[in-house]
C-alpha atoms as a PDB file:
ATOM      1  CA  UNK A   1     -27.820  -9.834-117.791  1.00  0.00           C
ATOM      2  CA  UNK A   2     -24.990  -7.393-117.083  1.00  0.00           C
ATOM      3  CA  UNK A   3     -22.639  -7.017-120.032  1.00  0.00           C
ATOM      4  CA  UNK A   4     -19.204  -7.094-118.445  1.00  0.00           C
ATOM      5  CA  UNK A   5     -17.293  -6.206-121.599  1.00  0.00           C
ATOM      6  CA  UNK A   6     -19.712  -3.605-122.941  1.00  0.00           C
ATOM      7  CA  UNK A   7     -17.871  -0.623-124.403  1.00  0.00           C
ATOM      8  CA  UNK A   8     -19.302   1.601-121.690  1.00  0.00           C
ATOM      9  CA  UNK A   9     -17.817  -0.603-118.943  1.00  0.00           C
ATOM     10  CA  UNK A  10     -14.470  -0.868-120.701  1.00  0.00           C
ATOM     11  CA  UNK A  11     -14.173   2.907-120.999  1.00  0.00           C
ATOM     12  CA  UNK A  12     -15.091   3.484-117.343  1.00  0.00           C
ATOM     13  CA  UNK A  13     -12.758   0.837-115.936  1.00  0.00           C
ATOM     14  CA  UNK A  14      -9.463   2.628-116.605  1.00  0.00           C
ATOM     15  CA  UNK A  15      -6.332   1.070-118.011  1.00  0.00           C
ATOM     16  CA  UNK A  16      -2.672   0.446-117.334  1.00  0.00           C
ATOM     17  CA  UNK A  17       0.262   0.996-119.629  1.00  0.00           C
ATOM     18  CA  UNK A  18       2.787  -1.807-119.845  1.00  0.00           C
ATOM     19  CA  UNK A  19       5.837  -1.623-122.139  1.00  0.00           C
ATOM     20  CA  UNK A  20       5.420  -3.953-125.109  1.00  0.00           C
ATOM     21  CA  UNK A  21       8.734  -5.709-124.459  1.00  0.00           C
ATOM     22  CA  UNK A  22       7.282  -6.999-121.174  1.00  0.00           C
ATOM     23  CA  UNK A  23       4.155  -8.303-122.895  1.00  0.00           C
ATOM     24  CA  UNK A  24       6.222  -9.946-125.631  1.00  0.00           C
ATOM     25  CA  UNK A  25       8.582 -11.598-123.131  1.00  0.00           C
ATOM     26  CA  UNK A  26       5.690 -13.084-121.160  1.00  0.00           C
ATOM     27  CA  UNK A  27       5.286 -15.514-124.084  1.00  0.00           C
ATOM     28  CA  UNK A  28       9.003 -16.390-124.147  1.00  0.00           C
ATOM     29  CA  UNK A  29      10.043 -20.039-124.292  1.00  0.00           C
ATOM     30  CA  UNK A  30      12.748 -19.229-121.734  1.00  0.00           C
ATOM     31  CA  UNK A  31      11.138 -19.685-118.331  1.00  0.00           C
ATOM     32  CA  UNK A  32      13.470 -17.198-116.627  1.00  0.00           C
ATOM     33  CA  UNK A  33      12.621 -14.467-119.130  1.00  0.00           C
ATOM     34  CA  UNK A  34       8.900 -15.208-118.908  1.00  0.00           C
ATOM     35  CA  UNK A  35       9.023 -15.118-115.088  1.00  0.00           C
ATOM     36  CA  UNK A  36      10.788 -11.744-115.072  1.00  0.00           C
ATOM     37  CA  UNK A  37       8.266 -10.382-117.560  1.00  0.00           C
ATOM     38  CA  UNK A  38       5.368 -11.688-115.437  1.00  0.00           C
ATOM     39  CA  UNK A  39       6.792  -9.975-112.358  1.00  0.00           C
ATOM     40  CA  UNK A  40       7.273  -6.651-114.155  1.00  0.00           C
ATOM     41  CA  UNK A  41       3.793  -6.906-115.661  1.00  0.00           C
ATOM     42  CA  UNK A  42       2.397  -7.393-112.154  1.00  0.00           C
ATOM     43  CA  UNK A  43       4.289  -4.319-110.938  1.00  0.00           C
ATOM     44  CA  UNK A  44       2.902  -2.162-113.761  1.00  0.00           C
ATOM     45  CA  UNK A  45      -0.626  -3.450-113.174  1.00  0.00           C
ATOM     46  CA  UNK A  46      -0.554  -2.848-109.426  1.00  0.00           C
ATOM     47  CA  UNK A  47       1.396   0.435-109.386  1.00  0.00           C
ATOM     48  CA  UNK A  48      -0.604   3.406-108.173  1.00  0.00           C
ATOM     49  CA  UNK A  49      -1.590   5.852-110.905  1.00  0.00           C
ATOM     50  CA  UNK A  50      -2.250   8.578-108.328  1.00  0.00           C
ATOM     51  CA  UNK A  51      -1.385   9.171-104.699  1.00  0.00           C
ATOM     52  CA  UNK A  52      -3.157   6.851-102.271  1.00  0.00           C
ATOM     53  CA  UNK A  53      -2.912   5.196 -98.875  1.00  0.00           C
ATOM     54  CA  UNK A  54      -1.965   1.556 -98.364  1.00  0.00           C
ATOM     55  CA  UNK A  55      -2.472  -0.427 -95.167  1.00  0.00           C
ATOM     56  CA  UNK A  56       0.222  -3.036 -94.570  1.00  0.00           C
ATOM     57  CA  UNK A  57       0.404  -4.916 -91.273  1.00  0.00           C
ATOM     58  CA  UNK A  58      -1.824  -2.338 -89.592  1.00  0.00           C
ATOM     59  CA  UNK A  59       0.326   0.610 -90.702  1.00  0.00           C
ATOM     60  CA  UNK A  60      -0.787   3.262 -93.175  1.00  0.00           C
ATOM     61  CA  UNK A  61       1.730   4.201 -95.877  1.00  0.00           C
ATOM     62  CA  UNK A  62       1.313   6.843 -98.547  1.00  0.00           C
ATOM     63  CA  UNK A  63       1.873   5.374-101.966  1.00  0.00           C
ATOM     64  CA  UNK A  64       2.746   7.800-104.769  1.00  0.00           C
ATOM     65  CA  UNK A  65       2.347   7.494-108.490  1.00  0.00           C
ATOM     66  CA  UNK A  66       4.363   4.607-109.959  1.00  0.00           C
ATOM     67  CA  UNK A  67       4.796   2.898-106.593  1.00  0.00           C
ATOM     68  CA  UNK A  68       3.350  -0.151-104.934  1.00  0.00           C
ATOM     69  CA  UNK A  69       3.727  -1.346-101.383  1.00  0.00           C
ATOM     70  CA  UNK A  70       3.923  -5.111-101.021  1.00  0.00           C
ATOM     71  CA  UNK A  71       5.204  -7.946 -98.897  1.00  0.00           C
ATOM     72  CA  UNK A  72       8.000  -9.527-100.944  1.00  0.00           C
ATOM     73  CA  UNK A  73       7.643 -12.919 -99.238  1.00  0.00           C
ATOM     74  CA  UNK A  74       4.011 -13.074-100.338  1.00  0.00           C
ATOM     75  CA  UNK A  75       4.967 -12.051-103.876  1.00  0.00           C
ATOM     76  CA  UNK A  76       7.666 -14.735-104.015  1.00  0.00           C
ATOM     77  CA  UNK A  77       5.049 -17.308-103.002  1.00  0.00           C
ATOM     78  CA  UNK A  78       2.553 -15.876-105.530  1.00  0.00           C
ATOM     79  CA  UNK A  79       5.079 -16.318-108.364  1.00  0.00           C
ATOM     80  CA  UNK A  80       6.120 -19.744-107.004  1.00  0.00           C
ATOM     81  CA  UNK A  81       9.756 -18.801-106.566  1.00  0.00           C
ATOM     82  CA  UNK A  82      12.173 -19.522-103.760  1.00  0.00           C
ATOM     83  CA  UNK A  83      13.190 -16.581-101.622  1.00  0.00           C
ATOM     84  CA  UNK A  84      16.798 -16.704-102.895  1.00  0.00           C
ATOM     85  CA  UNK A  85      15.662 -16.639-106.548  1.00  0.00           C
ATOM     86  CA  UNK A  86      13.244 -13.793-105.779  1.00  0.00           C
ATOM     87  CA  UNK A  87      16.034 -11.729-104.155  1.00  0.00           C
ATOM     88  CA  UNK A  88      18.258 -12.346-107.181  1.00  0.00           C
ATOM     89  CA  UNK A  89      15.524 -11.160-109.591  1.00  0.00           C
ATOM     90  CA  UNK A  90      14.819  -8.042-107.524  1.00  0.00           C
ATOM     91  CA  UNK A  91      18.570  -7.288-107.355  1.00  0.00           C
ATOM     92  CA  UNK A  92      18.767  -7.581-111.162  1.00  0.00           C
ATOM     93  CA  UNK A  93      15.828  -5.199-111.629  1.00  0.00           C
ATOM     94  CA  UNK A  94      17.439  -2.739-109.210  1.00  0.00           C
ATOM     95  CA  UNK A  95      20.882  -2.949-110.840  1.00  0.00           C
ATOM     96  CA  UNK A  96      19.312  -2.451-114.288  1.00  0.00           C
ATOM     97  CA  UNK A  97      17.557   0.665-112.917  1.00  0.00           C
ATOM     98  CA  UNK A  98      14.076  -0.710-113.631  1.00  0.00           C
ATOM     99  CA  UNK A  99      12.829  -0.450-110.056  1.00  0.00           C
ATOM    100  CA  UNK A 100      13.899   1.029-106.745  1.00  0.00           C
ATOM    101  CA  UNK A 101      13.154  -0.862-103.520  1.00  0.00           C
ATOM    102  CA  UNK A 102      12.840   0.751-100.083  1.00  0.00           C
ATOM    103  CA  UNK A 103      12.341  -1.433 -97.029  1.00  0.00           C
ATOM    104  CA  UNK A 104       9.371  -0.766 -94.768  1.00  0.00           C
ATOM    105  CA  UNK A 105       8.145  -2.493 -91.640  1.00  0.00           C
ATOM    106  CA  UNK A 106       6.390  -5.596 -92.861  1.00  0.00           C
ATOM    107  CA  UNK A 107       7.012  -4.988 -96.561  1.00  0.00           C
ATOM    108  CA  UNK A 108       8.690  -2.967 -99.291  1.00  0.00           C
ATOM    109  CA  UNK A 109       7.965   0.121-101.339  1.00  0.00           C
ATOM    110  CA  UNK A 110       8.696  -0.699-104.983  1.00  0.00           C
ATOM    111  CA  UNK A 111       9.030   2.344-107.238  1.00  0.00           C
ATOM    112  CA  UNK A 112       9.043   1.909-110.995  1.00  0.00           C
ATOM    113  CA  UNK A 113      11.853   4.070-112.337  1.00  0.00           C
ATOM    114  CA  UNK A 114      10.726   6.527-115.040  1.00  0.00           C
ATOM    115  CA  UNK A 115       7.070   5.571-114.560  1.00  0.00           C
ATOM    116  CA  UNK A 116       5.919   9.036-115.626  1.00  0.00           C
ATOM    117  CA  UNK A 117       7.972   8.888-118.824  1.00  0.00           C
ATOM    118  CA  UNK A 118       6.525   5.497-119.706  1.00  0.00           C
ATOM    119  CA  UNK A 119       2.936   6.372-118.823  1.00  0.00           C
ATOM    120  CA  UNK A 120       3.232   9.762-120.488  1.00  0.00           C
ATOM    121  CA  UNK A 121       1.968  12.077-117.778  1.00  0.00           C
ATOM    122  CA  UNK A 122       4.119  14.276-115.600  1.00  0.00           C
ATOM    123  CA  UNK A 123       3.535  13.954-111.875  1.00  0.00           C
ATOM    124  CA  UNK A 124       3.199  16.949-109.576  1.00  0.00           C
ATOM    125  CA  UNK A 125       6.574  16.028-108.049  1.00  0.00           C
ATOM    126  CA  UNK A 126       8.202  16.090-111.495  1.00  0.00           C
ATOM    127  CA  UNK A 127       6.624  19.446-112.354  1.00  0.00           C
ATOM    128  CA  UNK A 128       7.709  20.945-109.042  1.00  0.00           C
ATOM    129  CA  UNK A 129      11.286  19.683-109.445  1.00  0.00           C
ATOM    130  CA  UNK A 130      11.523  20.871-113.057  1.00  0.00           C
ATOM    131  CA  UNK A 131      10.016  24.345-113.036  1.00  0.00           C
ATOM    132  CA  UNK A 132       6.266  23.775-112.896  1.00  0.00           C
ATOM    133  CA  UNK A 133       3.914  23.489-115.847  1.00  0.00           C
ATOM    134  CA  UNK A 134       6.239  25.570-118.024  1.00  0.00           C
ATOM    135  CA  UNK A 135       8.659  22.632-118.135  1.00  0.00           C
ATOM    136  CA  UNK A 136       5.937  20.437-119.583  1.00  0.00           C
ATOM    137  CA  UNK A 137       5.075  23.129-122.139  1.00  0.00           C
ATOM    138  CA  UNK A 138       8.750  23.429-123.123  1.00  0.00           C
ATOM    139  CA  UNK A 139       8.900  19.746-124.057  1.00  0.00           C
ATOM    140  CA  UNK A 140       9.643  19.198-127.736  1.00  0.00           C
ATOM    141  CA  UNK A 141       6.552  19.170-129.914  1.00  0.00           C
ATOM    142  CA  UNK A 142       5.974  16.746-132.753  1.00  0.00           C
ATOM    143  CA  UNK A 143       7.347  18.017-136.030  1.00  0.00           C
ATOM    144  CA  UNK A 144       5.081  18.789-138.952  1.00  0.00           C
ATOM    145  CA  UNK A 145       5.437  16.259-141.725  1.00  0.00           C
ATOM    146  CA  UNK A 146       7.322  17.090-144.870  1.00  0.00           C
ATOM    147  CA  UNK A 147       5.432  17.315-148.147  1.00  0.00           C
ATOM    148  CA  UNK A 148       4.587  13.915-149.556  1.00  0.00           C
ATOM    149  CA  UNK A 149       4.760  12.143-146.172  1.00  0.00           C
ATOM    150  CA  UNK A 150       1.553  10.821-144.658  1.00  0.00           C
ATOM    151  CA  UNK A 151       0.834  12.299-141.236  1.00  0.00           C
ATOM    152  CA  UNK A 152      -0.027   9.116-139.362  1.00  0.00           C
ATOM    153  CA  UNK A 153       3.183   7.333-140.423  1.00  0.00           C
ATOM    154  CA  UNK A 154       5.630  10.223-140.126  1.00  0.00           C
ATOM    155  CA  UNK A 155       8.494   9.686-137.731  1.00  0.00           C
ATOM    156  CA  UNK A 156      10.962  12.586-137.899  1.00  0.00           C
ATOM    157  CA  UNK A 157      13.814  10.454-136.542  1.00  0.00           C
ATOM    158  CA  UNK A 158      13.525   8.271-139.673  1.00  0.00           C
ATOM    159  CA  UNK A 159      13.849  11.197-142.079  1.00  0.00           C
ATOM    160  CA  UNK A 160      17.302  11.297-143.620  1.00  0.00           C
ATOM    161  CA  UNK A 161      18.282  14.405-145.543  1.00  0.00           C
ATOM    162  CA  UNK A 162      19.049  13.867-149.237  1.00  0.00           C
ATOM    163  CA  UNK A 163      17.934  10.241-149.092  1.00  0.00           C
ATOM    164  CA  UNK A 164      15.813   9.342-152.108  1.00  0.00           C
ATOM    165  CA  UNK A 165      13.609   6.294-151.797  1.00  0.00           C
ATOM    166  CA  UNK A 166      12.106   5.329-155.140  1.00  0.00           C
ATOM    167  CA  UNK A 167       8.397   4.539-155.267  1.00  0.00           C
ATOM    168  CA  UNK A 168       7.569   0.867-155.021  1.00  0.00           C
ATOM    169  CA  UNK A 169       6.080  -0.547-158.200  1.00  0.00           C
ATOM    170  CA  UNK A 170       4.255  -3.869-158.094  1.00  0.00           C
ATOM    171  CA  UNK A 171       3.229  -5.751-161.202  1.00  0.00           C
ATOM    172  CA  UNK A 172      -0.073  -7.336-160.133  1.00  0.00           C
ATOM    173  CA  UNK A 173      -0.168  -9.530-163.230  1.00  0.00           C
ATOM    174  CA  UNK A 174       2.686 -11.606-161.794  1.00  0.00           C
ATOM    175  CA  UNK A 175       0.883 -12.369-158.522  1.00  0.00           C
ATOM    176  CA  UNK A 176      -1.345 -15.475-158.891  1.00  0.00           C
ATOM    177  CA  UNK A 177      -4.007 -14.236-156.465  1.00  0.00           C
ATOM    178  CA  UNK A 178      -4.548 -11.084-158.528  1.00  0.00           C
ATOM    179  CA  UNK A 179      -4.415 -12.761-161.951  1.00  0.00           C
ATOM    180  CA  UNK A 180      -7.985 -14.052-161.516  1.00  0.00           C
ATOM    181  CA  UNK A 181      -9.240 -10.567-160.632  1.00  0.00           C
ATOM    182  CA  UNK A 182      -7.470  -9.024-163.615  1.00  0.00           C
ATOM    183  CA  UNK A 183      -8.953 -11.684-165.913  1.00  0.00           C
ATOM    184  CA  UNK A 184     -12.457 -10.988-164.541  1.00  0.00           C
ATOM    185  CA  UNK A 185     -12.096  -7.259-165.296  1.00  0.00           C
ATOM    186  CA  UNK A 186     -11.168  -7.952-168.933  1.00  0.00           C
END
């Protein structure tokens, strides 16, 4: 029997990065919000991670990182939306600068804005436009933690100069769940 979810298979299969707000909104009680989150989740899942060719209606298009080439009518049917509602949603995403849409023969090229910033890797186009690999090296490095701050939980943007936070003291004898344990130790 082939183990589909064996660790080895999971590590080989690759992954996609989807902003947490999209994942959270997929569970929204508001159907409009959930639909928009489902659409964006689909875009992030299907976006190309590297340059590749896409065949659409017998034509070959080059698809770059953070892009997908699709037929919007088919997507509207896939998400069970009317064409007018689909166009409204796509216009909202475009006006909010989430995606960019270019029309092609037989479909559309949808580019996720700031895909490289979200995914965390700079594309060759970004490096070329911003001074090569030196631009990536010049990016701000993580700060070293101050004394007394644990490394894994240190966020420099949360450090406020001259702000004293007293240590938290908890009296375990006042918590019922721990009273039994304290009695056992005595």
